[in-house]
Amino acid sequence: MSVPQGPSLELIDTTETTIALKFTPLADSNLHYVLEWKEYPAPSYETTDGKQQKTGIRASDATRVVAEPLEPGKTYCVRLYAVDGASGTKGEPCKELVLDTEQVGCTPKADKGCCCAIL
């Protein structure tokens, strides 16, 4: 059986350390999904520590996925691909999204009474 290409990702939100995305699962209930991310412009998604991917995402879990932990103010490439649950065969990834995390906040906090000076 050929594994289909991963479903398209849509941006929900970004914070300083996360990128939240959503997708519509494919019809095949035997599939699970893997979300991968890399800092731009890294040439490869390959990692040895597994810290740049979420595996085993089931359509029944939810269609909202979060890449985390990320570095503030950085640009990341993210993609999703389907995996056949029986064979472990990976399909082609969806179109890659290139997104930025938020900069560290520089606004006064209501309970701190401080502010940032921009020179």
PDB file of N, CA and C in Angstrom:
ATOM      1  N   MET A   1       0.838  -1.181   0.000  1.00  0.00           N
ATOM      2  CA  MET A   1       0.000   0.000   0.000  1.00  0.00           C
ATOM      3  C   MET A   1       0.883   1.245   0.000  1.00  0.00           C
ATOM      4  N   SER A   2       0.523   2.192  -0.808  1.00  0.00           N
ATOM      5  CA  SER A   2       1.247   3.453  -0.869  1.00  0.00           C
ATOM      6  C   SER A   2       0.697   4.403   0.192  1.00  0.00           C
ATOM      7  N   VAL A   3       1.581   5.032   0.934  1.00  0.00           N
ATOM      8  CA  VAL A   3       1.163   5.979   1.975  1.00  0.00           C
ATOM      9  C   VAL A   3       0.998   7.346   1.327  1.00  0.00           C
ATOM     10  N   PRO A   4      -0.138   8.008   1.558  1.00  0.00           N
ATOM     11  CA  PRO A   4      -0.361   9.309   0.930  1.00  0.00           C
ATOM     12  C   PRO A   4       0.511  10.410   1.529  1.00  0.00           C
ATOM     13  N   GLN A   5       0.589  11.506   0.802  1.00  0.00           N
ATOM     14  CA  GLN A   5       1.301  12.685   1.298  1.00  0.00           C
ATOM     15  C   GLN A   5       0.593  13.200   2.542  1.00  0.00           C
ATOM     16  N   GLY A   6       1.361  13.767   3.464  1.00  0.00           N
ATOM     17  CA  GLY A   6       0.797  14.322   4.687  1.00  0.00           C
ATOM     18  C   GLY A   6      -0.165  15.452   4.398  1.00  0.00           C
ATOM     19  N   PRO A   7      -1.187  15.611   5.258  1.00  0.00           N
ATOM     20  CA  PRO A   7      -2.140  16.696   5.053  1.00  0.00           C
ATOM     21  C   PRO A   7      -1.501  18.060   5.276  1.00  0.00           C
ATOM     22  N   SER A   8      -2.068  19.072   4.667  1.00  0.00           N
ATOM     23  CA  SER A   8      -1.547  20.434   4.780  1.00  0.00           C
ATOM     24  C   SER A   8      -1.675  20.955   6.206  1.00  0.00           C
ATOM     25  N   LEU A   9      -0.719  21.769   6.606  1.00  0.00           N
ATOM     26  CA  LEU A   9      -0.730  22.418   7.913  1.00  0.00           C
ATOM     27  C   LEU A   9      -1.251  23.841   7.787  1.00  0.00           C
ATOM     28  N   GLU A  10      -1.935  24.279   8.829  1.00  0.00           N
ATOM     29  CA  GLU A  10      -2.430  25.651   8.894  1.00  0.00           C
ATOM     30  C   GLU A  10      -2.017  26.238  10.237  1.00  0.00           C
ATOM     31  N   LEU A  11      -1.493  27.445  10.214  1.00  0.00           N
ATOM     32  CA  LEU A  11      -1.039  28.111  11.429  1.00  0.00           C
ATOM     33  C   LEU A  11      -2.218  28.513  12.306  1.00  0.00           C
ATOM     34  N   ILE A  12      -2.112  28.199  13.605  1.00  0.00           N
ATOM     35  CA  ILE A  12      -3.087  28.661  14.591  1.00  0.00           C
ATOM     36  C   ILE A  12      -2.505  29.838  15.356  1.00  0.00           C
ATOM     37  N   ASP A  13      -1.276  29.659  15.889  1.00  0.00           N
ATOM     38  CA  ASP A  13      -0.702  30.685  16.753  1.00  0.00           C
ATOM     39  C   ASP A  13       0.793  30.424  16.935  1.00  0.00           C
ATOM     40  N   THR A  14       1.521  31.486  17.254  1.00  0.00           N
ATOM     41  CA  THR A  14       2.916  31.346  17.656  1.00  0.00           C
ATOM     42  C   THR A  14       3.106  32.087  18.976  1.00  0.00           C
ATOM     43  N   THR A  15       4.034  31.579  19.786  1.00  0.00           N
ATOM     44  CA  THR A  15       4.457  32.266  20.997  1.00  0.00           C
ATOM     45  C   THR A  15       5.968  32.357  20.941  1.00  0.00           C
ATOM     46  N   GLU A  16       6.579  32.736  22.042  1.00  0.00           N
ATOM     47  CA  GLU A  16       8.041  32.813  22.083  1.00  0.00           C
ATOM     48  C   GLU A  16       8.686  31.440  21.901  1.00  0.00           C
ATOM     49  N   THR A  17       8.015  30.378  22.368  1.00  0.00           N
ATOM     50  CA  THR A  17       8.641  29.051  22.364  1.00  0.00           C
ATOM     51  C   THR A  17       7.801  27.962  21.704  1.00  0.00           C
ATOM     52  N   THR A  18       6.680  28.328  21.049  1.00  0.00           N
ATOM     53  CA  THR A  18       5.832  27.318  20.407  1.00  0.00           C
ATOM     54  C   THR A  18       5.284  27.803  19.073  1.00  0.00           C
ATOM     55  N   ILE A  19       4.953  26.843  18.232  1.00  0.00           N
ATOM     56  CA  ILE A  19       4.194  27.086  17.010  1.00  0.00           C
ATOM     57  C   ILE A  19       3.045  26.088  17.026  1.00  0.00           C
ATOM     58  N   ALA A  20       1.808  26.582  17.086  1.00  0.00           N
ATOM     59  CA  ALA A  20       0.619  25.732  17.089  1.00  0.00           C
ATOM     60  C   ALA A  20       0.039  25.682  15.684  1.00  0.00           C
ATOM     61  N   LEU A  21      -0.280  24.463  15.245  1.00  0.00           N
ATOM     62  CA  LEU A  21      -0.776  24.243  13.891  1.00  0.00           C
ATOM     63  C   LEU A  21      -1.984  23.324  13.937  1.00  0.00           C
ATOM     64  N   LYS A  22      -2.744  23.307  12.842  1.00  0.00           N
ATOM     65  CA  LYS A  22      -3.829  22.341  12.742  1.00  0.00           C
ATOM     66  C   LYS A  22      -3.791  21.696  11.367  1.00  0.00           C
ATOM     67  N   PHE A  23      -4.425  20.510  11.282  1.00  0.00           N
ATOM     68  CA  PHE A  23      -4.523  19.796  10.023  1.00  0.00           C
ATOM     69  C   PHE A  23      -5.799  18.970  10.013  1.00  0.00           C
ATOM     70  N   THR A  24      -6.234  18.601   8.814  1.00  0.00           N
ATOM     71  CA  THR A  24      -7.387  17.723   8.658  1.00  0.00           C
ATOM     72  C   THR A  24      -6.849  16.328   8.354  1.00  0.00           C
ATOM     73  N   PRO A  25      -7.136  15.359   9.237  1.00  0.00           N
ATOM     74  CA  PRO A  25      -6.615  13.999   9.020  1.00  0.00           C
ATOM     75  C   PRO A  25      -7.119  13.398   7.708  1.00  0.00           C
ATOM     76  N   LEU A  26      -6.314  12.520   7.161  1.00  0.00           N
ATOM     77  CA  LEU A  26      -6.708  11.797   5.958  1.00  0.00           C
ATOM     78  C   LEU A  26      -7.726  10.722   6.338  1.00  0.00           C
ATOM     79  N   ALA A  27      -8.453  10.195   5.362  1.00  0.00           N
ATOM     80  CA  ALA A  27      -9.541   9.255   5.619  1.00  0.00           C
ATOM     81  C   ALA A  27      -9.068   7.915   6.203  1.00  0.00           C
ATOM     82  N   ASP A  28      -7.865   7.486   5.910  1.00  0.00           N
ATOM     83  CA  ASP A  28      -7.366   6.186   6.366  1.00  0.00           C
ATOM     84  C   ASP A  28      -7.109   6.204   7.869  1.00  0.00           C
ATOM     85  N   SER A  29      -7.869   5.424   8.626  1.00  0.00           N
ATOM     86  CA  SER A  29      -7.731   5.400  10.091  1.00  0.00           C
ATOM     87  C   SER A  29      -6.509   4.633  10.563  1.00  0.00           C
ATOM     88  N   ASN A  30      -5.822   3.948   9.667  1.00  0.00           N
ATOM     89  CA  ASN A  30      -4.618   3.199  10.031  1.00  0.00           C
ATOM     90  C   ASN A  30      -3.378   4.097  10.043  1.00  0.00           C
ATOM     91  N   LEU A  31      -3.529   5.345   9.694  1.00  0.00           N
ATOM     92  CA  LEU A  31      -2.386   6.261   9.638  1.00  0.00           C
ATOM     93  C   LEU A  31      -2.199   6.992  10.956  1.00  0.00           C
ATOM     94  N   HIS A  32      -0.944   7.292  11.259  1.00  0.00           N
ATOM     95  CA  HIS A  32      -0.646   8.281  12.287  1.00  0.00           C
ATOM     96  C   HIS A  32       0.286   9.301  11.637  1.00  0.00           C
ATOM     97  N   TYR A  33       0.621  10.345  12.378  1.00  0.00           N
ATOM     98  CA  TYR A  33       1.321  11.475  11.772  1.00  0.00           C
ATOM     99  C   TYR A  33       2.556  11.852  12.582  1.00  0.00           C
ATOM    100  N   VAL A  34       3.513  12.416  11.875  1.00  0.00           N
ATOM    101  CA  VAL A  34       4.738  12.906  12.504  1.00  0.00           C
ATOM    102  C   VAL A  34       4.911  14.361  12.097  1.00  0.00           C
ATOM    103  N   LEU A  35       5.076  15.230  13.102  1.00  0.00           N
ATOM    104  CA  LEU A  35       5.368  16.640  12.884  1.00  0.00           C
ATOM    105  C   LEU A  35       6.860  16.828  13.093  1.00  0.00           C
ATOM    106  N   GLU A  36       7.519  17.451  12.139  1.00  0.00           N
ATOM    107  CA  GLU A  36       8.955  17.731  12.247  1.00  0.00           C
ATOM    108  C   GLU A  36       9.188  19.218  12.099  1.00  0.00           C
ATOM    109  N   TRP A  37      10.255  19.704  12.743  1.00  0.00           N
ATOM    110  CA  TRP A  37      10.642  21.097  12.583  1.00  0.00           C
ATOM    111  C   TRP A  37      12.149  21.213  12.643  1.00  0.00           C
ATOM    112  N   LYS A  38      12.652  22.270  12.025  1.00  0.00           N
ATOM    113  CA  LYS A  38      14.085  22.575  12.044  1.00  0.00           C
ATOM    114  C   LYS A  38      14.228  24.078  12.020  1.00  0.00           C
ATOM    115  N   GLU A  39      15.327  24.544  12.565  1.00  0.00           N
ATOM    116  CA  GLU A  39      15.605  25.970  12.512  1.00  0.00           C
ATOM    117  C   GLU A  39      16.048  26.310  11.094  1.00  0.00           C
ATOM    118  N   TYR A  40      15.509  27.389  10.552  1.00  0.00           N
ATOM    119  CA  TYR A  40      15.876  27.834   9.218  1.00  0.00           C
ATOM    120  C   TYR A  40      17.231  28.512   9.283  1.00  0.00           C
ATOM    121  N   PRO A  41      18.175  28.254   8.424  1.00  0.00           N
ATOM    122  CA  PRO A  41      18.142  27.499   7.184  1.00  0.00           C
ATOM    123  C   PRO A  41      18.833  26.146   7.283  1.00  0.00           C
ATOM    124  N   ALA A  42      18.708  25.438   8.376  1.00  0.00           N
ATOM    125  CA  ALA A  42      19.345  24.118   8.514  1.00  0.00           C
ATOM    126  C   ALA A  42      19.010  23.259   7.293  1.00  0.00           C
ATOM    127  N   PRO A  43      19.992  22.535   6.766  1.00  0.00           N
ATOM    128  CA  PRO A  43      19.770  21.801   5.525  1.00  0.00           C
ATOM    129  C   PRO A  43      18.925  20.534   5.683  1.00  0.00           C
ATOM    130  N   SER A  44      18.794  20.002   6.902  1.00  0.00           N
ATOM    131  CA  SER A  44      18.161  18.696   7.058  1.00  0.00           C
ATOM    132  C   SER A  44      17.269  18.649   8.288  1.00  0.00           C
ATOM    133  N   TYR A  45      16.252  17.807   8.214  1.00  0.00           N
ATOM    134  CA  TYR A  45      15.389  17.550   9.358  1.00  0.00           C
ATOM    135  C   TYR A  45      15.953  16.442  10.238  1.00  0.00           C
ATOM    136  N   GLU A  46      17.003  15.801   9.808  1.00  0.00           N
ATOM    137  CA  GLU A  46      17.560  14.677  10.550  1.00  0.00           C
ATOM    138  C   GLU A  46      18.093  15.125  11.904  1.00  0.00           C
ATOM    139  N   THR A  47      17.691  14.426  12.955  1.00  0.00           N
ATOM    140  CA  THR A  47      18.204  14.687  14.297  1.00  0.00           C
ATOM    141  C   THR A  47      18.568  13.366  14.939  1.00  0.00           C
ATOM    142  N   THR A  48      19.476  13.419  15.867  1.00  0.00           N
ATOM    143  CA  THR A  48      19.834  12.207  16.598  1.00  0.00           C
ATOM    144  C   THR A  48      19.162  12.153  17.954  1.00  0.00           C
ATOM    145  N   ASP A  49      18.668  13.283  18.435  1.00  0.00           N
ATOM    146  CA  ASP A  49      18.076  13.310  19.770  1.00  0.00           C
ATOM    147  C   ASP A  49      16.545  13.267  19.759  1.00  0.00           C
ATOM    148  N   GLY A  50      15.910  13.348  18.601  1.00  0.00           N
ATOM    149  CA  GLY A  50      14.458  13.286  18.514  1.00  0.00           C
ATOM    150  C   GLY A  50      13.734  14.485  19.093  1.00  0.00           C
ATOM    151  N   LYS A  51      14.460  15.547  19.417  1.00  0.00           N
ATOM    152  CA  LYS A  51      13.841  16.710  20.042  1.00  0.00           C
ATOM    153  C   LYS A  51      13.152  17.629  19.045  1.00  0.00           C
ATOM    154  N   GLN A  52      13.272  17.340  17.766  1.00  0.00           N
ATOM    155  CA  GLN A  52      12.675  18.223  16.762  1.00  0.00           C
ATOM    156  C   GLN A  52      11.548  17.524  16.026  1.00  0.00           C
ATOM    157  N   GLN A  53      10.841  16.644  16.737  1.00  0.00           N
ATOM    158  CA  GLN A  53       9.691  16.013  16.119  1.00  0.00           C
ATOM    159  C   GLN A  53       8.740  15.486  17.174  1.00  0.00           C
ATOM    160  N   LYS A  54       7.487  15.382  16.784  1.00  0.00           N
ATOM    161  CA  LYS A  54       6.459  14.728  17.589  1.00  0.00           C
ATOM    162  C   LYS A  54       5.969  13.568  16.752  1.00  0.00           C
ATOM    163  N   THR A  55       6.027  12.373  17.321  1.00  0.00           N
ATOM    164  CA  THR A  55       5.632  11.179  16.584  1.00  0.00           C
ATOM    165  C   THR A  55       4.348  10.599  17.156  1.00  0.00           C
ATOM    166  N   GLY A  56       3.744   9.693  16.414  1.00  0.00           N
ATOM    167  CA  GLY A  56       2.573   8.974  16.894  1.00  0.00           C
ATOM    168  C   GLY A  56       1.336   9.819  17.064  1.00  0.00           C
ATOM    169  N   ILE A  57       1.214  10.916  16.327  1.00  0.00           N
ATOM    170  CA  ILE A  57       0.028  11.768  16.419  1.00  0.00           C
ATOM    171  C   ILE A  57      -1.124  11.038  15.734  1.00  0.00           C
ATOM    172  N   ARG A  58      -2.165  10.744  16.469  1.00  0.00           N
ATOM    173  CA  ARG A  58      -3.339  10.048  15.939  1.00  0.00           C
ATOM    174  C   ARG A  58      -4.425  11.056  15.578  1.00  0.00           C
ATOM    175  N   ALA A  59      -5.170  10.753  14.553  1.00  0.00           N
ATOM    176  CA  ALA A  59      -6.264  11.638  14.155  1.00  0.00           C
ATOM    177  C   ALA A  59      -7.270  11.776  15.285  1.00  0.00           C
ATOM    178  N   SER A  60      -7.424  10.733  16.104  1.00  0.00           N
ATOM    179  CA  SER A  60      -8.383  10.796  17.206  1.00  0.00           C
ATOM    180  C   SER A  60      -7.883  11.666  18.357  1.00  0.00           C
ATOM    181  N   ASP A  61      -6.567  11.899  18.424  1.00  0.00           N
ATOM    182  CA  ASP A  61      -6.005  12.727  19.492  1.00  0.00           C
ATOM    183  C   ASP A  61      -6.487  14.164  19.360  1.00  0.00           C
ATOM    184  N   ALA A  62      -6.500  14.670  18.199  1.00  0.00           N
ATOM    185  CA  ALA A  62      -6.920  16.041  17.863  1.00  0.00           C
ATOM    186  C   ALA A  62      -6.185  16.413  16.592  1.00  0.00           C
ATOM    187  N   THR A  63      -6.640  17.443  15.971  1.00  0.00           N
ATOM    188  CA  THR A  63      -5.961  17.885  14.759  1.00  0.00           C
ATOM    189  C   THR A  63      -5.105  19.104  15.045  1.00  0.00           C
ATOM    190  N   ARG A  64      -4.899  19.410  16.306  1.00  0.00           N
ATOM    191  CA  ARG A  64      -4.035  20.527  16.720  1.00  0.00           C
ATOM    192  C   ARG A  64      -2.714  19.935  17.191  1.00  0.00           C
ATOM    193  N   VAL A  65      -1.616  20.407  16.639  1.00  0.00           N
ATOM    194  CA  VAL A  65      -0.291  19.944  17.027  1.00  0.00           C
ATOM    195  C   VAL A  65       0.577  21.147  17.354  1.00  0.00           C
ATOM    196  N   VAL A  66       1.528  20.949  18.264  1.00  0.00           N
ATOM    197  CA  VAL A  66       2.380  22.050  18.706  1.00  0.00           C
ATOM    198  C   VAL A  66       3.841  21.634  18.603  1.00  0.00           C
ATOM    199  N   ALA A  67       4.630  22.451  17.909  1.00  0.00           N
ATOM    200  CA  ALA A  67       6.086  22.272  17.872  1.00  0.00           C
ATOM    201  C   ALA A  67       6.641  23.017  19.081  1.00  0.00           C
ATOM    202  N   GLU A  68       7.337  22.292  19.955  1.00  0.00           N
ATOM    203  CA  GLU A  68       7.905  22.899  21.163  1.00  0.00           C
ATOM    204  C   GLU A  68       8.989  22.001  21.739  1.00  0.00           C
ATOM    205  N   PRO A  69       9.909  22.480  22.510  1.00  0.00           N
ATOM    206  CA  PRO A  69      10.211  23.876  22.817  1.00  0.00           C
ATOM    207  C   PRO A  69      11.079  24.483  21.715  1.00  0.00           C
ATOM    208  N   LEU A  70      10.813  25.713  21.397  1.00  0.00           N
ATOM    209  CA  LEU A  70      11.542  26.446  20.364  1.00  0.00           C
ATOM    210  C   LEU A  70      12.234  27.647  20.994  1.00  0.00           C
ATOM    211  N   GLU A  71      13.115  28.264  20.232  1.00  0.00           N
ATOM    212  CA  GLU A  71      13.839  29.453  20.696  1.00  0.00           C
ATOM    213  C   GLU A  71      13.099  30.714  20.274  1.00  0.00           C
ATOM    214  N   PRO A  72      12.998  31.711  21.159  1.00  0.00           N
ATOM    215  CA  PRO A  72      12.323  32.964  20.801  1.00  0.00           C
ATOM    216  C   PRO A  72      13.021  33.690  19.645  1.00  0.00           C
ATOM    217  N   GLY A  73      12.227  34.315  18.785  1.00  0.00           N
ATOM    218  CA  GLY A  73      12.766  35.152  17.718  1.00  0.00           C
ATOM    219  C   GLY A  73      13.502  34.402  16.627  1.00  0.00           C
ATOM    220  N   LYS A  74      13.224  33.131  16.456  1.00  0.00           N
ATOM    221  CA  LYS A  74      13.890  32.324  15.423  1.00  0.00           C
ATOM    222  C   LYS A  74      12.891  31.954  14.337  1.00  0.00           C
ATOM    223  N   THR A  75      13.419  31.585  13.175  1.00  0.00           N
ATOM    224  CA  THR A  75      12.604  31.129  12.060  1.00  0.00           C
ATOM    225  C   THR A  75      12.715  29.616  11.975  1.00  0.00           C
ATOM    226  N   TYR A  76      11.564  28.953  11.818  1.00  0.00           N
ATOM    227  CA  TYR A  76      11.519  27.490  11.754  1.00  0.00           C
ATOM    228  C   TYR A  76      10.776  27.032  10.515  1.00  0.00           C
ATOM    229  N   CYS A  77      11.188  25.882   9.999  1.00  0.00           N
ATOM    230  CA  CYS A  77      10.474  25.174   8.946  1.00  0.00           C
ATOM    231  C   CYS A  77       9.750  24.015   9.620  1.00  0.00           C
ATOM    232  N   VAL A  78       8.483  23.810   9.294  1.00  0.00           N
ATOM    233  CA  VAL A  78       7.705  22.710   9.866  1.00  0.00           C
ATOM    234  C   VAL A  78       7.027  21.940   8.742  1.00  0.00           C
ATOM    235  N   ARG A  79       6.845  20.641   8.975  1.00  0.00           N
ATOM    236  CA  ARG A  79       6.158  19.798   8.002  1.00  0.00           C
ATOM    237  C   ARG A  79       5.518  18.619   8.726  1.00  0.00           C
ATOM    238  N   LEU A  80       4.560  17.992   8.077  1.00  0.00           N
ATOM    239  CA  LEU A  80       3.828  16.863   8.633  1.00  0.00           C
ATOM    240  C   LEU A  80       3.805  15.762   7.600  1.00  0.00           C
ATOM    241  N   TYR A  81       3.988  14.520   8.037  1.00  0.00           N
ATOM    242  CA  TYR A  81       3.810  13.419   7.108  1.00  0.00           C
ATOM    243  C   TYR A  81       3.046  12.289   7.768  1.00  0.00           C
ATOM    244  N   ALA A  82       2.403  11.480   6.925  1.00  0.00           N
ATOM    245  CA  ALA A  82       1.617  10.340   7.380  1.00  0.00           C
ATOM    246  C   ALA A  82       2.513   9.108   7.435  1.00  0.00           C
ATOM    247  N   VAL A  83       2.209   8.221   8.382  1.00  0.00           N
ATOM    248  CA  VAL A  83       2.934   6.963   8.538  1.00  0.00           C
ATOM    249  C   VAL A  83       1.911   5.837   8.619  1.00  0.00           C
ATOM    250  N   ASP A  84       2.124   4.771   7.853  1.00  0.00           N
ATOM    251  CA  ASP A  84       1.246   3.609   7.920  1.00  0.00           C
ATOM    252  C   ASP A  84       1.455   2.914   9.259  1.00  0.00           C
ATOM    253  N   GLY A  85       0.380   2.735  10.023  1.00  0.00           N
ATOM    254  CA  GLY A  85       0.476   2.142  11.354  1.00  0.00           C
ATOM    255  C   GLY A  85       0.944   0.707  11.359  1.00  0.00           C
ATOM    256  N   ALA A  86       0.684  -0.052  10.307  1.00  0.00           N
ATOM    257  CA  ALA A  86       1.065  -1.464  10.258  1.00  0.00           C
ATOM    258  C   ALA A  86       2.514  -1.665   9.814  1.00  0.00           C
ATOM    259  N   SER A  87       2.896  -0.983   8.741  1.00  0.00           N
ATOM    260  CA  SER A  87       4.226  -1.217   8.171  1.00  0.00           C
ATOM    261  C   SER A  87       5.280  -0.224   8.636  1.00  0.00           C
ATOM    262  N   GLY A  88       4.845   0.953   9.127  1.00  0.00           N
ATOM    263  CA  GLY A  88       5.792   1.994   9.506  1.00  0.00           C
ATOM    264  C   GLY A  88       6.303   2.801   8.322  1.00  0.00           C
ATOM    265  N   THR A  89       5.757   2.548   7.140  1.00  0.00           N
ATOM    266  CA  THR A  89       6.174   3.262   5.931  1.00  0.00           C
ATOM    267  C   THR A  89       5.718   4.712   5.994  1.00  0.00           C
ATOM    268  N   LYS A  90       6.646   5.618   5.685  1.00  0.00           N
ATOM    269  CA  LYS A  90       6.339   7.050   5.682  1.00  0.00           C
ATOM    270  C   LYS A  90       5.931   7.499   4.293  1.00  0.00           C
ATOM    271  N   GLY A  91       4.948   8.408   4.260  1.00  0.00           N
ATOM    272  CA  GLY A  91       4.573   9.056   3.011  1.00  0.00           C
ATOM    273  C   GLY A  91       5.419  10.301   2.815  1.00  0.00           C
ATOM    274  N   GLU A  92       5.171  10.994   1.737  1.00  0.00           N
ATOM    275  CA  GLU A  92       5.862  12.262   1.491  1.00  0.00           C
ATOM    276  C   GLU A  92       5.318  13.320   2.442  1.00  0.00           C
ATOM    277  N   PRO A  93       6.172  14.247   2.886  1.00  0.00           N
ATOM    278  CA  PRO A  93       5.674  15.303   3.776  1.00  0.00           C
ATOM    279  C   PRO A  93       4.803  16.302   3.015  1.00  0.00           C
ATOM    280  N   CYS A  94       3.983  17.008   3.782  1.00  0.00           N
ATOM    281  CA  CYS A  94       3.192  18.089   3.193  1.00  0.00           C
ATOM    282  C   CYS A  94       4.129  19.241   2.833  1.00  0.00           C
ATOM    283  N   LYS A  95       3.570  20.242   2.207  1.00  0.00           N
ATOM    284  CA  LYS A  95       4.358  21.430   1.881  1.00  0.00           C
ATOM    285  C   LYS A  95       4.868  22.061   3.176  1.00  0.00           C
ATOM    286  N   GLU A  96       6.137  22.369   3.182  1.00  0.00           N
ATOM    287  CA  GLU A  96       6.799  22.950   4.347  1.00  0.00           C
ATOM    288  C   GLU A  96       6.303  24.381   4.598  1.00  0.00           C
ATOM    289  N   LEU A  97       6.063  24.702   5.868  1.00  0.00           N
ATOM    290  CA  LEU A  97       5.751  26.075   6.256  1.00  0.00           C
ATOM    291  C   LEU A  97       6.991  26.683   6.899  1.00  0.00           C
ATOM    292  N   VAL A  98       7.235  27.953   6.651  1.00  0.00           N
ATOM    293  CA  VAL A  98       8.347  28.677   7.260  1.00  0.00           C
ATOM    294  C   VAL A  98       7.733  29.755   8.140  1.00  0.00           C
ATOM    295  N   LEU A  99       7.979  29.651   9.464  1.00  0.00           N
ATOM    296  CA  LEU A  99       7.312  30.506  10.446  1.00  0.00           C
ATOM    297  C   LEU A  99       8.300  31.024  11.476  1.00  0.00           C
ATOM    298  N   ASP A 100       7.967  32.163  12.060  1.00  0.00           N
ATOM    299  CA  ASP A 100       8.794  32.768  13.106  1.00  0.00           C
ATOM    300  C   ASP A 100       8.131  32.606  14.471  1.00  0.00           C
ATOM    301  N   THR A 101       8.951  32.367  15.493  1.00  0.00           N
ATOM    302  CA  THR A 101       8.449  32.453  16.857  1.00  0.00           C
ATOM    303  C   THR A 101       8.473  33.924  17.269  1.00  0.00           C
ATOM    304  N   GLU A 102       7.734  34.247  18.316  1.00  0.00           N
ATOM    305  CA  GLU A 102       7.667  35.617  18.811  1.00  0.00           C
ATOM    306  C   GLU A 102       8.988  36.023  19.456  1.00  0.00           C
ATOM    307  N   GLN A 103       9.278  37.306  19.420  1.00  0.00           N
ATOM    308  CA  GLN A 103      10.419  37.850  20.165  1.00  0.00           C
ATOM    309  C   GLN A 103      10.070  37.829  21.648  1.00  0.00           C
ATOM    310  N   VAL A 104      11.081  37.831  22.484  1.00  0.00           N
ATOM    311  CA  VAL A 104      10.846  37.942  23.913  1.00  0.00           C
ATOM    312  C   VAL A 104      10.123  39.257  24.156  1.00  0.00           C
ATOM    313  N   GLY A 105       9.057  39.215  24.955  1.00  0.00           N
ATOM    314  CA  GLY A 105       8.221  40.387  25.187  1.00  0.00           C
ATOM    315  C   GLY A 105       9.004  41.561  25.757  1.00  0.00           C
ATOM    316  N   CYS A 106       8.649  42.750  25.323  1.00  0.00           N
ATOM    317  CA  CYS A 106       9.318  43.952  25.796  1.00  0.00           C
ATOM    318  C   CYS A 106       8.262  44.989  26.163  1.00  0.00           C
ATOM    319  N   THR A 107       7.236  44.517  26.829  1.00  0.00           N
ATOM    320  CA  THR A 107       6.200  45.431  27.283  1.00  0.00           C
ATOM    321  C   THR A 107       6.106  45.335  28.791  1.00  0.00           C
ATOM    322  N   PRO A 108       5.698  46.396  29.449  1.00  0.00           N
ATOM    323  CA  PRO A 108       5.581  46.344  30.911  1.00  0.00           C
ATOM    324  C   PRO A 108       4.568  45.303  31.348  1.00  0.00           C
ATOM    325  N   LYS A 109       4.881  44.602  32.409  1.00  0.00           N
ATOM    326  CA  LYS A 109       3.958  43.654  33.004  1.00  0.00           C
ATOM    327  C   LYS A 109       3.143  44.396  34.056  1.00  0.00           C
ATOM    328  N   ALA A 110       1.858  44.156  34.100  1.00  0.00           N
ATOM    329  CA  ALA A 110       0.985  44.884  35.009  1.00  0.00           C
ATOM    330  C   ALA A 110       1.404  44.735  36.470  1.00  0.00           C
ATOM    331  N   ASP A 111       1.917  43.563  36.824  1.00  0.00           N
ATOM    332  CA  ASP A 111       2.274  43.348  38.228  1.00  0.00           C
ATOM    333  C   ASP A 111       3.721  43.689  38.542  1.00  0.00           C
ATOM    334  N   LYS A 112       4.529  44.063  37.549  1.00  0.00           N
ATOM    335  CA  LYS A 112       5.948  44.318  37.769  1.00  0.00           C
ATOM    336  C   LYS A 112       6.271  45.815  37.829  1.00  0.00           C
ATOM    337  N   GLY A 113       5.507  46.639  37.136  1.00  0.00           N
ATOM    338  CA  GLY A 113       5.787  48.064  37.128  1.00  0.00           C
ATOM    339  C   GLY A 113       7.092  48.426  36.465  1.00  0.00           C
ATOM    340  N   CYS A 114       7.547  47.635  35.491  1.00  0.00           N
ATOM    341  CA  CYS A 114       8.807  47.932  34.825  1.00  0.00           C
ATOM    342  C   CYS A 114       8.532  48.221  33.345  1.00  0.00           C
ATOM    343  N   CYS A 115       9.545  48.640  32.664  1.00  0.00           N
ATOM    344  CA  CYS A 115       9.389  48.869  31.238  1.00  0.00           C
ATOM    345  C   CYS A 115      10.735  48.667  30.541  1.00  0.00           C
ATOM    346  N   CYS A 116      10.678  48.584  29.228  1.00  0.00           N
ATOM    347  CA  CYS A 116      11.894  48.426  28.416  1.00  0.00           C
ATOM    348  C   CYS A 116      12.237  49.763  27.801  1.00  0.00           C
ATOM    349  N   ALA A 117      13.507  50.015  27.661  1.00  0.00           N
ATOM    350  CA  ALA A 117      13.975  51.205  26.969  1.00  0.00           C
ATOM    351  C   ALA A 117      14.534  50.774  25.633  1.00  0.00           C
ATOM    352  N   ILE A 118      14.026  51.328  24.563  1.00  0.00           N
ATOM    353  CA  ILE A 118      14.520  51.013  23.218  1.00  0.00           C
ATOM    354  C   ILE A 118      15.331  52.216  22.777  1.00  0.00           C
ATOM    355  N   LEU A 119      16.607  51.996  22.592  1.00  0.00           N
ATOM    356  CA  LEU A 119      17.513  53.095  22.238  1.00  0.00           C
ATOM    357  C   LEU A 119      17.803  53.092  20.753  1.00  0.00           C
TER     358      LEU A 119
END
